[in-house]
Amino acid sequence: MLIGEVARRSGVSARMLRHYDTLGLVRPTGRTVGNYREYTPADVRRIFHVEGLRSLGLSLRQIARTLDDPGFTPSALVGDLILQTEERLRRDRELLDRLRTVGAAEPAGWEDVARVVELLHGLRSRNAERRQQTVLATPLPAELLAGAVLTEADPYVAGALRWALARSGGDGAASLASGLAAGDAEVRRRAVLALAELPGDEATAMLTGALDDPDPAIRRCAALALGPRGVTAAVPTLVRMVVDGPNDVEAGEHLGALARDPARAETIMSALTGELAAHATDPAVRIRLVQALAEMPGTVALDVLRALSLDADRPVAMIAATLVSALTRGAEPSVAGGGPPATDASSR
């Protein structure tokens, strides 16, 4: 076949076929009497091989080396291409994020663009102090702050970012949505901590969704944020925190605040008494549960505490008896000074 026919059948322009010939990548096997290039079926197959490798991102130099190297291993080449493509995508995502950030700032001129770019450099500095100074020195768009919150590992800088995001006046909750869907549990935890400092129904709804997170630490963070907002859905997680130990005192306080609503009090009392029965042989858990009962408002927990004052476990009985005495005197129930301290080191 002559070059024009090959171009029509292969979709490769005659100009590119001549270029391939010049590089020695695809040289036509023969020549006609008039010295025109004449391609054999094997030559055409090589053209299709070249085009296929080009579609994978190989340069013409790499293609020539690949097709002519008898020791070529496709798996190694494909592996290298995957790594190169992933790196290119990472750079492109970073560029896209920068462009979106600049766009969200609605710059009026190039000076505004330069200012946002300078802020981005400050937030991405390797120096934590410079990152913190950038956050505190200048009001930043909510989208920019939210993106920085999700990637910030330094606790002091992260705290400054959450503070600034809560005061940015932008749609911070929506900007954190991607963090809640991240595969990295640490990123999801950062998103929950930031949402905990944001007011509004949207932040509350997103925190409520985080109660189903597979990571228990994230569920605990969400529950501690939802307790003060009066969200009943947080009750099971808060009760589990009392049982397990981490943040049990804070969880008990939130349960007590939630129980001020009579509609919730019965549910909370039922959950706590159920855990007492389930952990009849675990004194440390029972002490934490008694301490949570001490947070219940009024005399809601009085009957249960009276029964516990006769408990076979002496520390549990003594704490319960002290609480009963305080309640019947009309005093606020308090473990401090009224009985032996909790013996479990994880109760705080």
C-alpha atoms as a PDB file:
ATOM      1  CA  MET A   1       0.000   0.000   0.000  1.00  0.00           C
ATOM      2  CA  LEU A   2       1.117   3.501  -0.777  1.00  0.00           C
ATOM      3  CA  ILE A   3       1.340   6.150   1.949  1.00  0.00           C
ATOM      4  CA  GLY A   4      -1.977   7.814   1.072  1.00  0.00           C
ATOM      5  CA  GLU A   5      -3.921   4.573   1.405  1.00  0.00           C
ATOM      6  CA  VAL A   6      -2.132   3.692   4.665  1.00  0.00           C
ATOM      7  CA  ALA A   7      -3.017   7.115   6.032  1.00  0.00           C
ATOM      8  CA  ARG A   8      -6.686   6.603   5.145  1.00  0.00           C
ATOM      9  CA  ARG A   9      -6.864   3.134   6.694  1.00  0.00           C
ATOM     10  CA  SER A  10      -4.827   3.821   9.816  1.00  0.00           C
ATOM     11  CA  GLY A  11      -6.015   7.322  10.642  1.00  0.00           C
ATOM     12  CA  VAL A  12      -2.382   8.462  10.894  1.00  0.00           C
ATOM     13  CA  SER A  13      -1.615  11.451   8.681  1.00  0.00           C
ATOM     14  CA  ALA A  14       0.819  11.108   5.798  1.00  0.00           C
ATOM     15  CA  ARG A  15       2.935  13.797   7.428  1.00  0.00           C
ATOM     16  CA  MET A  16       3.216  11.747  10.636  1.00  0.00           C
ATOM     17  CA  LEU A  17       4.023   8.595   8.632  1.00  0.00           C
ATOM     18  CA  ARG A  18       6.898  10.435   6.968  1.00  0.00           C
ATOM     19  CA  HIS A  19       8.054  11.556  10.423  1.00  0.00           C
ATOM     20  CA  TYR A  20       7.979   7.940  11.623  1.00  0.00           C
ATOM     21  CA  ASP A  21      10.087   6.988   8.607  1.00  0.00           C
ATOM     22  CA  THR A  22      12.616   9.748   9.330  1.00  0.00           C
ATOM     23  CA  LEU A  23      12.968   8.583  12.941  1.00  0.00           C
ATOM     24  CA  GLY A  24      13.326   4.980  11.849  1.00  0.00           C
ATOM     25  CA  LEU A  25      10.248   4.081  13.874  1.00  0.00           C
ATOM     26  CA  VAL A  26       8.184   2.688  10.969  1.00  0.00           C
ATOM     27  CA  ARG A  27      10.083   2.385   7.710  1.00  0.00           C
ATOM     28  CA  PRO A  28       8.171   1.101   4.684  1.00  0.00           C
ATOM     29  CA  THR A  29       9.650  -2.171   3.531  1.00  0.00           C
ATOM     30  CA  GLY A  30       9.626  -1.349  -0.157  1.00  0.00           C
ATOM     31  CA  ARG A  31       9.651   1.344  -2.787  1.00  0.00           C
ATOM     32  CA  THR A  32       7.751   1.492  -6.049  1.00  0.00           C
ATOM     33  CA  VAL A  33       9.381   2.006  -9.431  1.00  0.00           C
ATOM     34  CA  GLY A  34       8.670   5.701  -8.997  1.00  0.00           C
ATOM     35  CA  ASN A  35      10.390   5.597  -5.547  1.00  0.00           C
ATOM     36  CA  TYR A  36       7.153   5.988  -3.582  1.00  0.00           C
ATOM     37  CA  ARG A  37       6.954   4.449  -0.110  1.00  0.00           C
ATOM     38  CA  GLU A  38       5.246   1.079  -0.161  1.00  0.00           C
ATOM     39  CA  TYR A  39       3.984  -0.442   3.101  1.00  0.00           C
ATOM     40  CA  THR A  40       3.513  -4.159   3.706  1.00  0.00           C
ATOM     41  CA  PRO A  41       0.868  -5.600   6.096  1.00  0.00           C
ATOM     42  CA  ALA A  42       3.644  -6.025   8.690  1.00  0.00           C
ATOM     43  CA  ASP A  43       4.489  -2.321   8.362  1.00  0.00           C
ATOM     44  CA  VAL A  44       0.843  -1.386   8.920  1.00  0.00           C
ATOM     45  CA  ARG A  45       0.677  -3.628  12.010  1.00  0.00           C
ATOM     46  CA  ARG A  46       3.732  -1.808  13.397  1.00  0.00           C
ATOM     47  CA  ILE A  47       1.984   1.531  12.795  1.00  0.00           C
ATOM     48  CA  PHE A  48      -0.970   0.341  14.898  1.00  0.00           C
ATOM     49  CA  HIS A  49       1.444  -0.833  17.603  1.00  0.00           C
ATOM     50  CA  VAL A  50       3.050   2.612  17.650  1.00  0.00           C
ATOM     51  CA  GLU A  51      -0.320   4.362  17.923  1.00  0.00           C
ATOM     52  CA  GLY A  52      -1.408   2.038  20.713  1.00  0.00           C
ATOM     53  CA  LEU A  53       1.713   2.794  22.743  1.00  0.00           C
ATOM     54  CA  ARG A  54       1.310   6.522  22.089  1.00  0.00           C
ATOM     55  CA  SER A  55      -2.179   6.329  23.593  1.00  0.00           C
ATOM     56  CA  LEU A  56      -0.564   5.081  26.833  1.00  0.00           C
ATOM     57  CA  GLY A  57       1.566   8.194  27.074  1.00  0.00           C
ATOM     58  CA  LEU A  58       4.899   6.907  25.716  1.00  0.00           C
ATOM     59  CA  SER A  59       7.162   9.213  23.776  1.00  0.00           C
ATOM     60  CA  LEU A  60       8.256   8.201  20.282  1.00  0.00           C
ATOM     61  CA  ARG A  61      11.764   7.541  21.615  1.00  0.00           C
ATOM     62  CA  GLN A  62      10.354   5.201  24.269  1.00  0.00           C
ATOM     63  CA  ILE A  63       8.183   3.461  21.666  1.00  0.00           C
ATOM     64  CA  ALA A  64      11.152   2.808  19.403  1.00  0.00           C
ATOM     65  CA  ARG A  65      13.140   1.344  22.298  1.00  0.00           C
ATOM     66  CA  THR A  66      10.179  -0.748  23.390  1.00  0.00           C
ATOM     67  CA  LEU A  67       9.402  -2.252  19.972  1.00  0.00           C
ATOM     68  CA  ASP A  68      13.024  -3.008  19.149  1.00  0.00           C
ATOM     69  CA  ASP A  69      14.120  -4.389  22.538  1.00  0.00           C
ATOM     70  CA  PRO A  70      13.815  -8.206  22.634  1.00  0.00           C
ATOM     71  CA  GLY A  71      14.036  -8.111  26.439  1.00  0.00           C
ATOM     72  CA  PHE A  72      11.133  -5.690  26.803  1.00  0.00           C
ATOM     73  CA  THR A  73       8.752  -6.523  29.676  1.00  0.00           C
ATOM     74  CA  PRO A  74       5.332  -4.858  29.314  1.00  0.00           C
ATOM     75  CA  SER A  75       4.480  -5.153  33.011  1.00  0.00           C
ATOM     76  CA  ALA A  76       7.481  -3.049  34.053  1.00  0.00           C
ATOM     77  CA  LEU A  77       6.648  -0.384  31.477  1.00  0.00           C
ATOM     78  CA  VAL A  78       2.985  -0.248  32.487  1.00  0.00           C
ATOM     79  CA  GLY A  79       3.980   0.006  36.150  1.00  0.00           C
ATOM     80  CA  ASP A  80       6.219   2.973  35.403  1.00  0.00           C
ATOM     81  CA  LEU A  81       3.466   4.616  33.370  1.00  0.00           C
ATOM     82  CA  ILE A  82       1.010   4.208  36.245  1.00  0.00           C
ATOM     83  CA  LEU A  83       3.398   5.925  38.664  1.00  0.00           C
ATOM     84  CA  GLN A  84       4.073   8.764  36.219  1.00  0.00           C
ATOM     85  CA  THR A  85       0.354   9.252  35.561  1.00  0.00           C
ATOM     86  CA  GLU A  86      -0.504   9.258  39.269  1.00  0.00           C
ATOM     87  CA  GLU A  87       2.119  11.927  39.898  1.00  0.00           C
ATOM     88  CA  ARG A  88       0.824  14.002  36.997  1.00  0.00           C
ATOM     89  CA  LEU A  89      -2.746  13.690  38.313  1.00  0.00           C
ATOM     90  CA  ARG A  90      -1.584  14.731  41.778  1.00  0.00           C
ATOM     91  CA  ARG A  91      -0.003  17.874  40.345  1.00  0.00           C
ATOM     92  CA  ASP A  92      -3.101  18.560  38.267  1.00  0.00           C
ATOM     93  CA  ARG A  93      -5.351  18.171  41.330  1.00  0.00           C
ATOM     94  CA  GLU A  94      -3.185  20.598  43.256  1.00  0.00           C
ATOM     95  CA  LEU A  95      -3.414  23.072  40.397  1.00  0.00           C
ATOM     96  CA  LEU A  96      -7.185  22.606  40.203  1.00  0.00           C
ATOM     97  CA  ASP A  97      -7.503  23.211  43.947  1.00  0.00           C
ATOM     98  CA  ARG A  98      -5.450  26.404  43.649  1.00  0.00           C
ATOM     99  CA  LEU A  99      -7.559  27.637  40.749  1.00  0.00           C
ATOM    100  CA  ARG A 100     -10.792  26.899  42.613  1.00  0.00           C
ATOM    101  CA  THR A 101      -9.490  28.718  45.664  1.00  0.00           C
ATOM    102  CA  VAL A 102      -8.576  31.772  43.617  1.00  0.00           C
ATOM    103  CA  GLY A 103     -11.973  31.640  41.913  1.00  0.00           C
ATOM    104  CA  ALA A 104     -13.827  31.363  45.247  1.00  0.00           C
ATOM    105  CA  ALA A 105     -12.094  34.539  46.435  1.00  0.00           C
ATOM    106  CA  GLU A 106     -13.691  36.404  43.480  1.00  0.00           C
ATOM    107  CA  PRO A 107     -10.594  38.498  42.710  1.00  0.00           C
ATOM    108  CA  ALA A 108     -11.275  41.896  41.194  1.00  0.00           C
ATOM    109  CA  GLY A 109      -7.839  42.160  39.634  1.00  0.00           C
ATOM    110  CA  TRP A 110      -4.435  40.553  39.340  1.00  0.00           C
ATOM    111  CA  GLU A 111      -3.369  42.038  42.666  1.00  0.00           C
ATOM    112  CA  ASP A 112      -6.139  40.043  44.361  1.00  0.00           C
ATOM    113  CA  VAL A 113      -5.037  36.903  42.534  1.00  0.00           C
ATOM    114  CA  ALA A 114      -1.451  37.446  43.676  1.00  0.00           C
ATOM    115  CA  ARG A 115      -2.652  37.938  47.264  1.00  0.00           C
ATOM    116  CA  VAL A 116      -4.562  34.635  47.276  1.00  0.00           C
ATOM    117  CA  VAL A 117      -1.585  32.822  45.764  1.00  0.00           C
ATOM    118  CA  GLU A 118       0.648  34.301  48.466  1.00  0.00           C
ATOM    119  CA  LEU A 119      -1.781  33.077  51.139  1.00  0.00           C
ATOM    120  CA  LEU A 120      -1.751  29.608  49.599  1.00  0.00           C
ATOM    121  CA  HIS A 121       2.029  29.543  49.818  1.00  0.00           C
ATOM    122  CA  GLY A 122       1.804  30.606  53.470  1.00  0.00           C
ATOM    123  CA  LEU A 123      -0.709  27.869  54.319  1.00  0.00           C
ATOM    124  CA  ARG A 124       1.437  25.250  52.590  1.00  0.00           C
ATOM    125  CA  SER A 125       4.697  26.341  54.153  1.00  0.00           C
ATOM    126  CA  ARG A 126       6.751  23.620  55.817  1.00  0.00           C
ATOM    127  CA  ASN A 127       7.076  25.922  58.809  1.00  0.00           C
ATOM    128  CA  ALA A 128       4.130  25.435  61.196  1.00  0.00           C
ATOM    129  CA  GLU A 129       4.621  28.871  62.739  1.00  0.00           C
ATOM    130  CA  ARG A 130       4.338  30.555  59.351  1.00  0.00           C
ATOM    131  CA  ARG A 131       1.171  28.582  58.574  1.00  0.00           C
ATOM    132  CA  GLN A 132      -0.360  29.681  61.873  1.00  0.00           C
ATOM    133  CA  GLN A 133       0.631  33.317  61.296  1.00  0.00           C
ATOM    134  CA  THR A 134      -0.977  33.211  57.848  1.00  0.00           C
ATOM    135  CA  VAL A 135      -4.248  31.975  59.346  1.00  0.00           C
ATOM    136  CA  LEU A 136      -4.341  34.555  62.121  1.00  0.00           C
ATOM    137  CA  ALA A 137      -3.088  37.546  60.142  1.00  0.00           C
ATOM    138  CA  THR A 138      -5.600  37.750  57.299  1.00  0.00           C
ATOM    139  CA  PRO A 139      -9.273  36.801  56.780  1.00  0.00           C
ATOM    140  CA  LEU A 140      -9.346  33.828  54.417  1.00  0.00           C
ATOM    141  CA  PRO A 141     -12.131  32.329  52.260  1.00  0.00           C
ATOM    142  CA  ALA A 142     -14.027  29.446  53.891  1.00  0.00           C
ATOM    143  CA  GLU A 143     -13.157  27.034  51.082  1.00  0.00           C
ATOM    144  CA  LEU A 144      -9.442  27.752  51.497  1.00  0.00           C
ATOM    145  CA  LEU A 145      -9.634  27.299  55.279  1.00  0.00           C
ATOM    146  CA  ALA A 146     -11.604  24.071  54.973  1.00  0.00           C
ATOM    147  CA  GLY A 147      -9.082  22.565  52.570  1.00  0.00           C
ATOM    148  CA  ALA A 148      -6.248  23.505  54.919  1.00  0.00           C
ATOM    149  CA  VAL A 149      -8.080  22.053  57.950  1.00  0.00           C
ATOM    150  CA  LEU A 150      -8.349  18.658  56.276  1.00  0.00           C
ATOM    151  CA  THR A 151      -4.607  18.441  55.600  1.00  0.00           C
ATOM    152  CA  GLU A 152      -3.156  20.125  58.703  1.00  0.00           C
ATOM    153  CA  ALA A 153      -1.336  17.764  61.103  1.00  0.00           C
ATOM    154  CA  ASP A 154       0.014  20.312  63.594  1.00  0.00           C
ATOM    155  CA  PRO A 155      -2.541  20.624  66.440  1.00  0.00           C
ATOM    156  CA  TYR A 156      -1.874  24.337  67.060  1.00  0.00           C
ATOM    157  CA  VAL A 157      -2.222  25.293  63.417  1.00  0.00           C
ATOM    158  CA  ALA A 158      -5.291  23.060  63.114  1.00  0.00           C
ATOM    159  CA  GLY A 159      -6.876  24.836  66.074  1.00  0.00           C
ATOM    160  CA  ALA A 160      -6.235  28.222  64.484  1.00  0.00           C
ATOM    161  CA  LEU A 161      -7.731  27.023  61.210  1.00  0.00           C
ATOM    162  CA  ARG A 162     -10.903  25.751  62.921  1.00  0.00           C
ATOM    163  CA  TRP A 163     -11.215  29.046  64.791  1.00  0.00           C
ATOM    164  CA  ALA A 164     -10.838  31.038  61.582  1.00  0.00           C
ATOM    165  CA  LEU A 165     -13.258  28.781  59.676  1.00  0.00           C
ATOM    166  CA  ALA A 166     -15.951  29.209  62.326  1.00  0.00           C
ATOM    167  CA  ARG A 167     -15.618  32.978  61.969  1.00  0.00           C
ATOM    168  CA  SER A 168     -15.210  33.173  58.209  1.00  0.00           C
ATOM    169  CA  GLY A 169     -18.894  33.692  57.532  1.00  0.00           C
ATOM    170  CA  GLY A 170     -18.664  31.366  54.524  1.00  0.00           C
ATOM    171  CA  ASP A 171     -20.237  28.000  53.854  1.00  0.00           C
ATOM    172  CA  GLY A 172     -17.682  26.108  55.914  1.00  0.00           C
ATOM    173  CA  ALA A 173     -19.824  23.006  56.452  1.00  0.00           C
ATOM    174  CA  ALA A 174     -20.284  22.358  52.733  1.00  0.00           C
ATOM    175  CA  SER A 175     -16.560  22.847  52.177  1.00  0.00           C
ATOM    176  CA  LEU A 176     -15.836  20.078  54.694  1.00  0.00           C
ATOM    177  CA  ALA A 177     -18.108  17.502  53.026  1.00  0.00           C
ATOM    178  CA  SER A 178     -15.261  15.949  51.050  1.00  0.00           C
ATOM    179  CA  GLY A 179     -13.362  15.357  54.287  1.00  0.00           C
ATOM    180  CA  LEU A 180     -16.186  13.253  55.732  1.00  0.00           C
ATOM    181  CA  ALA A 181     -16.089  11.043  52.636  1.00  0.00           C
ATOM    182  CA  ALA A 182     -12.295  10.585  52.673  1.00  0.00           C
ATOM    183  CA  GLY A 183     -10.819   7.113  52.880  1.00  0.00           C
ATOM    184  CA  ASP A 184      -8.279   8.322  55.451  1.00  0.00           C
ATOM    185  CA  ALA A 185      -9.766   8.197  58.968  1.00  0.00           C
ATOM    186  CA  GLU A 186      -7.504  11.032  60.124  1.00  0.00           C
ATOM    187  CA  VAL A 187      -8.929  13.342  57.457  1.00  0.00           C
ATOM    188  CA  ARG A 188     -12.477  12.411  58.524  1.00  0.00           C
ATOM    189  CA  ARG A 189     -11.573  13.124  62.154  1.00  0.00           C
ATOM    190  CA  ARG A 190     -10.272  16.579  61.201  1.00  0.00           C
ATOM    191  CA  ALA A 191     -13.512  17.272  59.355  1.00  0.00           C
ATOM    192  CA  VAL A 192     -15.599  16.296  62.397  1.00  0.00           C
ATOM    193  CA  LEU A 193     -13.514  18.454  64.741  1.00  0.00           C
ATOM    194  CA  ALA A 194     -13.988  21.424  62.412  1.00  0.00           C
ATOM    195  CA  LEU A 195     -17.731  20.807  62.046  1.00  0.00           C
ATOM    196  CA  ALA A 196     -18.035  20.683  65.837  1.00  0.00           C
ATOM    197  CA  GLU A 197     -17.101  24.377  65.942  1.00  0.00           C
ATOM    198  CA  LEU A 198     -19.545  25.419  63.213  1.00  0.00           C
ATOM    199  CA  PRO A 199     -23.102  26.486  64.025  1.00  0.00           C
ATOM    200  CA  GLY A 200     -26.144  25.642  61.947  1.00  0.00           C
ATOM    201  CA  ASP A 201     -28.341  22.774  60.845  1.00  0.00           C
ATOM    202  CA  GLU A 202     -26.032  21.691  58.020  1.00  0.00           C
ATOM    203  CA  ALA A 203     -23.097  21.108  60.366  1.00  0.00           C
ATOM    204  CA  THR A 204     -25.390  19.257  62.799  1.00  0.00           C
ATOM    205  CA  ALA A 205     -26.699  16.994  60.037  1.00  0.00           C
ATOM    206  CA  MET A 206     -23.173  16.174  58.858  1.00  0.00           C
ATOM    207  CA  LEU A 207     -22.074  15.398  62.419  1.00  0.00           C
ATOM    208  CA  THR A 208     -25.092  13.137  62.857  1.00  0.00           C
ATOM    209  CA  GLY A 209     -24.035  11.230  59.747  1.00  0.00           C
ATOM    210  CA  ALA A 210     -20.565  10.799  61.266  1.00  0.00           C
ATOM    211  CA  LEU A 211     -22.117   8.737  64.099  1.00  0.00           C
ATOM    212  CA  ASP A 212     -22.109   5.855  61.590  1.00  0.00           C
ATOM    213  CA  ASP A 213     -18.412   6.204  60.774  1.00  0.00           C
ATOM    214  CA  PRO A 214     -16.518   2.888  60.976  1.00  0.00           C
ATOM    215  CA  ASP A 215     -13.841   4.487  63.167  1.00  0.00           C
ATOM    216  CA  PRO A 216     -14.862   4.580  66.867  1.00  0.00           C
ATOM    217  CA  ALA A 217     -12.730   7.659  67.595  1.00  0.00           C
ATOM    218  CA  ILE A 218     -14.621   9.609  64.927  1.00  0.00           C
ATOM    219  CA  ARG A 219     -17.965   8.442  66.303  1.00  0.00           C
ATOM    220  CA  ARG A 220     -16.893   9.666  69.745  1.00  0.00           C
ATOM    221  CA  CYS A 221     -15.871  13.080  68.375  1.00  0.00           C
ATOM    222  CA  ALA A 222     -19.221  13.422  66.611  1.00  0.00           C
ATOM    223  CA  ALA A 223     -21.220  12.381  69.695  1.00  0.00           C
ATOM    224  CA  LEU A 224     -19.396  14.863  71.953  1.00  0.00           C
ATOM    225  CA  ALA A 225     -20.200  17.618  69.460  1.00  0.00           C
ATOM    226  CA  LEU A 226     -23.849  16.595  69.128  1.00  0.00           C
ATOM    227  CA  GLY A 227     -24.606  16.243  72.850  1.00  0.00           C
ATOM    228  CA  PRO A 228     -24.652  20.015  73.508  1.00  0.00           C
ATOM    229  CA  ARG A 229     -26.803  20.451  70.378  1.00  0.00           C
ATOM    230  CA  GLY A 230     -29.513  18.250  71.873  1.00  0.00           C
ATOM    231  CA  VAL A 231     -29.306  15.506  69.237  1.00  0.00           C
ATOM    232  CA  THR A 232     -30.885  12.288  70.577  1.00  0.00           C
ATOM    233  CA  ALA A 233     -29.086  10.185  67.973  1.00  0.00           C
ATOM    234  CA  ALA A 234     -25.856  10.733  69.926  1.00  0.00           C
ATOM    235  CA  VAL A 235     -27.167   8.902  73.031  1.00  0.00           C
ATOM    236  CA  PRO A 236     -26.041   5.332  72.102  1.00  0.00           C
ATOM    237  CA  THR A 237     -22.512   6.496  71.335  1.00  0.00           C
ATOM    238  CA  LEU A 238     -22.321   8.580  74.512  1.00  0.00           C
ATOM    239  CA  VAL A 239     -23.471   5.590  76.590  1.00  0.00           C
ATOM    240  CA  ARG A 240     -20.860   3.406  74.871  1.00  0.00           C
ATOM    241  CA  MET A 241     -18.221   6.002  75.771  1.00  0.00           C
ATOM    242  CA  VAL A 242     -19.211   5.748  79.443  1.00  0.00           C
ATOM    243  CA  VAL A 243     -18.867   1.968  79.249  1.00  0.00           C
ATOM    244  CA  ASP A 244     -15.563   1.936  77.368  1.00  0.00           C
ATOM    245  CA  GLY A 245     -13.849   4.699  79.333  1.00  0.00           C
ATOM    246  CA  PRO A 246     -12.446   7.307  76.898  1.00  0.00           C
ATOM    247  CA  ASN A 247     -14.063  10.689  77.641  1.00  0.00           C
ATOM    248  CA  ASP A 248     -16.570   8.976  79.952  1.00  0.00           C
ATOM    249  CA  VAL A 249     -16.909  11.981  82.277  1.00  0.00           C
ATOM    250  CA  GLU A 250     -17.677  14.362  79.414  1.00  0.00           C
ATOM    251  CA  ALA A 251     -20.053  11.819  77.873  1.00  0.00           C
ATOM    252  CA  GLY A 252     -21.886  11.490  81.212  1.00  0.00           C
ATOM    253  CA  GLU A 253     -22.260  15.263  81.443  1.00  0.00           C
ATOM    254  CA  HIS A 254     -23.785  15.382  77.965  1.00  0.00           C
ATOM    255  CA  LEU A 255     -26.175  12.550  78.817  1.00  0.00           C
ATOM    256  CA  GLY A 256     -27.260  14.467  81.914  1.00  0.00           C
ATOM    257  CA  ALA A 257     -27.912  17.590  79.853  1.00  0.00           C
ATOM    258  CA  LEU A 258     -29.897  15.605  77.289  1.00  0.00           C
ATOM    259  CA  ALA A 259     -31.929  13.957  80.065  1.00  0.00           C
ATOM    260  CA  ARG A 260     -33.308  17.346  81.123  1.00  0.00           C
ATOM    261  CA  ASP A 261     -35.807  16.721  78.355  1.00  0.00           C
ATOM    262  CA  PRO A 262     -38.311  14.211  79.854  1.00  0.00           C
ATOM    263  CA  ALA A 263     -38.787  12.679  76.401  1.00  0.00           C
ATOM    264  CA  ARG A 264     -35.126  11.636  76.403  1.00  0.00           C
ATOM    265  CA  ALA A 265     -34.666  10.862  80.110  1.00  0.00           C
ATOM    266  CA  GLU A 266     -36.415   7.485  79.974  1.00  0.00           C
ATOM    267  CA  THR A 267     -34.375   6.369  76.953  1.00  0.00           C
ATOM    268  CA  ILE A 268     -31.100   7.402  78.594  1.00  0.00           C
ATOM    269  CA  MET A 269     -31.944   5.772  81.938  1.00  0.00           C
ATOM    270  CA  SER A 270     -32.948   2.569  80.174  1.00  0.00           C
ATOM    271  CA  ALA A 271     -29.645   2.499  78.292  1.00  0.00           C
ATOM    272  CA  LEU A 272     -27.552   3.094  81.433  1.00  0.00           C
ATOM    273  CA  THR A 273     -29.392   0.495  83.540  1.00  0.00           C
ATOM    274  CA  GLY A 274     -29.137  -1.980  80.682  1.00  0.00           C
ATOM    275  CA  GLU A 275     -25.358  -1.547  80.646  1.00  0.00           C
ATOM    276  CA  LEU A 276     -25.269  -2.018  84.466  1.00  0.00           C
ATOM    277  CA  ALA A 277     -26.955  -5.378  84.038  1.00  0.00           C
ATOM    278  CA  ALA A 278     -24.706  -6.332  81.136  1.00  0.00           C
ATOM    279  CA  HIS A 279     -21.541  -5.570  83.140  1.00  0.00           C
ATOM    280  CA  ALA A 280     -22.531  -7.056  86.484  1.00  0.00           C
ATOM    281  CA  THR A 281     -19.025  -8.457  87.045  1.00  0.00           C
ATOM    282  CA  ASP A 282     -16.971  -5.470  85.871  1.00  0.00           C
ATOM    283  CA  PRO A 283     -16.502  -3.013  88.782  1.00  0.00           C
ATOM    284  CA  ALA A 284     -14.653  -0.399  86.702  1.00  0.00           C
ATOM    285  CA  VAL A 285     -17.464  -0.154  84.150  1.00  0.00           C
ATOM    286  CA  ARG A 286     -20.110  -0.060  86.893  1.00  0.00           C
ATOM    287  CA  ILE A 287     -18.342   2.806  88.676  1.00  0.00           C
ATOM    288  CA  ARG A 288     -18.304   4.798  85.436  1.00  0.00           C
ATOM    289  CA  LEU A 289     -22.004   4.079  84.930  1.00  0.00           C
ATOM    290  CA  VAL A 290     -22.809   5.198  88.488  1.00  0.00           C
ATOM    291  CA  GLN A 291     -20.885   8.412  87.861  1.00  0.00           C
ATOM    292  CA  ALA A 292     -22.979   8.947  84.708  1.00  0.00           C
ATOM    293  CA  LEU A 293     -26.145   8.393  86.766  1.00  0.00           C
ATOM    294  CA  ALA A 294     -24.908  11.141  89.070  1.00  0.00           C
ATOM    295  CA  GLU A 295     -25.280  13.563  86.146  1.00  0.00           C
ATOM    296  CA  MET A 296     -28.983  12.829  85.669  1.00  0.00           C
ATOM    297  CA  PRO A 297     -31.179  15.830  86.533  1.00  0.00           C
ATOM    298  CA  GLY A 298     -33.313  16.005  89.670  1.00  0.00           C
ATOM    299  CA  THR A 299     -34.327  12.644  91.086  1.00  0.00           C
ATOM    300  CA  VAL A 300     -34.466  10.830  87.744  1.00  0.00           C
ATOM    301  CA  ALA A 301     -31.810   8.334  88.855  1.00  0.00           C
ATOM    302  CA  LEU A 302     -32.767   8.165  92.578  1.00  0.00           C
ATOM    303  CA  ASP A 303     -34.464   4.749  92.561  1.00  0.00           C
ATOM    304  CA  VAL A 304     -31.630   3.144  90.583  1.00  0.00           C
ATOM    305  CA  LEU A 305     -29.024   4.660  92.891  1.00  0.00           C
ATOM    306  CA  ARG A 306     -30.883   3.400  95.950  1.00  0.00           C
ATOM    307  CA  ALA A 307     -30.735  -0.116  94.558  1.00  0.00           C
ATOM    308  CA  LEU A 308     -27.037   0.307  93.775  1.00  0.00           C
ATOM    309  CA  SER A 309     -26.319   1.468  97.327  1.00  0.00           C
ATOM    310  CA  LEU A 310     -26.918  -2.197  98.276  1.00  0.00           C
ATOM    311  CA  ASP A 311     -24.644  -3.493  95.501  1.00  0.00           C
ATOM    312  CA  ALA A 312     -22.293  -6.381  96.359  1.00  0.00           C
ATOM    313  CA  ASP A 313     -19.366  -4.344  95.030  1.00  0.00           C
ATOM    314  CA  ARG A 314     -18.375  -2.058  97.912  1.00  0.00           C
ATOM    315  CA  PRO A 315     -16.972   0.926  95.914  1.00  0.00           C
ATOM    316  CA  VAL A 316     -20.106   0.937  93.735  1.00  0.00           C
ATOM    317  CA  ALA A 317     -22.348   0.755  96.809  1.00  0.00           C
ATOM    318  CA  MET A 318     -20.496   3.548  98.630  1.00  0.00           C
ATOM    319  CA  ILE A 319     -20.613   5.922  95.653  1.00  0.00           C
ATOM    320  CA  ALA A 320     -24.314   5.202  95.077  1.00  0.00           C
ATOM    321  CA  ALA A 321     -25.103   5.708  98.787  1.00  0.00           C
ATOM    322  CA  THR A 322     -23.318   9.071  98.781  1.00  0.00           C
ATOM    323  CA  LEU A 323     -25.314  10.157  95.746  1.00  0.00           C
ATOM    324  CA  VAL A 324     -28.590   9.045  97.326  1.00  0.00           C
ATOM    325  CA  SER A 325     -27.771  11.037 100.428  1.00  0.00           C
ATOM    326  CA  ALA A 326     -27.011  14.137  98.352  1.00  0.00           C
ATOM    327  CA  LEU A 327     -30.210  13.783  96.336  1.00  0.00           C
ATOM    328  CA  THR A 328     -32.455  13.279  99.325  1.00  0.00           C
ATOM    329  CA  ARG A 329     -30.920  16.349 100.990  1.00  0.00           C
ATOM    330  CA  GLY A 330     -31.745  18.319  97.863  1.00  0.00           C
ATOM    331  CA  ALA A 331     -28.084  18.849  97.031  1.00  0.00           C
ATOM    332  CA  GLU A 332     -26.487  18.496  93.638  1.00  0.00           C
ATOM    333  CA  PRO A 333     -25.132  14.951  93.290  1.00  0.00           C
ATOM    334  CA  SER A 334     -21.354  14.917  93.195  1.00  0.00           C
ATOM    335  CA  VAL A 335     -18.824  12.114  93.487  1.00  0.00           C
ATOM    336  CA  ALA A 336     -16.050  14.484  94.551  1.00  0.00           C
ATOM    337  CA  GLY A 337     -15.483  14.202  98.330  1.00  0.00           C
ATOM    338  CA  GLY A 338     -18.464  11.923  98.791  1.00  0.00           C
ATOM    339  CA  GLY A 339     -16.961   8.507  98.306  1.00  0.00           C
ATOM    340  CA  PRO A 340     -13.947   6.656  97.065  1.00  0.00           C
ATOM    341  CA  PRO A 341     -12.573   7.834  93.724  1.00  0.00           C
ATOM    342  CA  ALA A 342     -12.964   5.736  90.627  1.00  0.00           C
ATOM    343  CA  THR A 343     -10.295   3.062  90.540  1.00  0.00           C
ATOM    344  CA  ASP A 344     -10.100   2.699  86.783  1.00  0.00           C
ATOM    345  CA  ALA A 345      -7.310   4.738  85.256  1.00  0.00           C
ATOM    346  CA  SER A 346      -9.291   5.141  82.031  1.00  0.00           C
ATOM    347  CA  SER A 347     -12.218   6.900  83.679  1.00  0.00           C
ATOM    348  CA  ARG A 348     -10.835  10.262  82.718  1.00  0.00           C
END
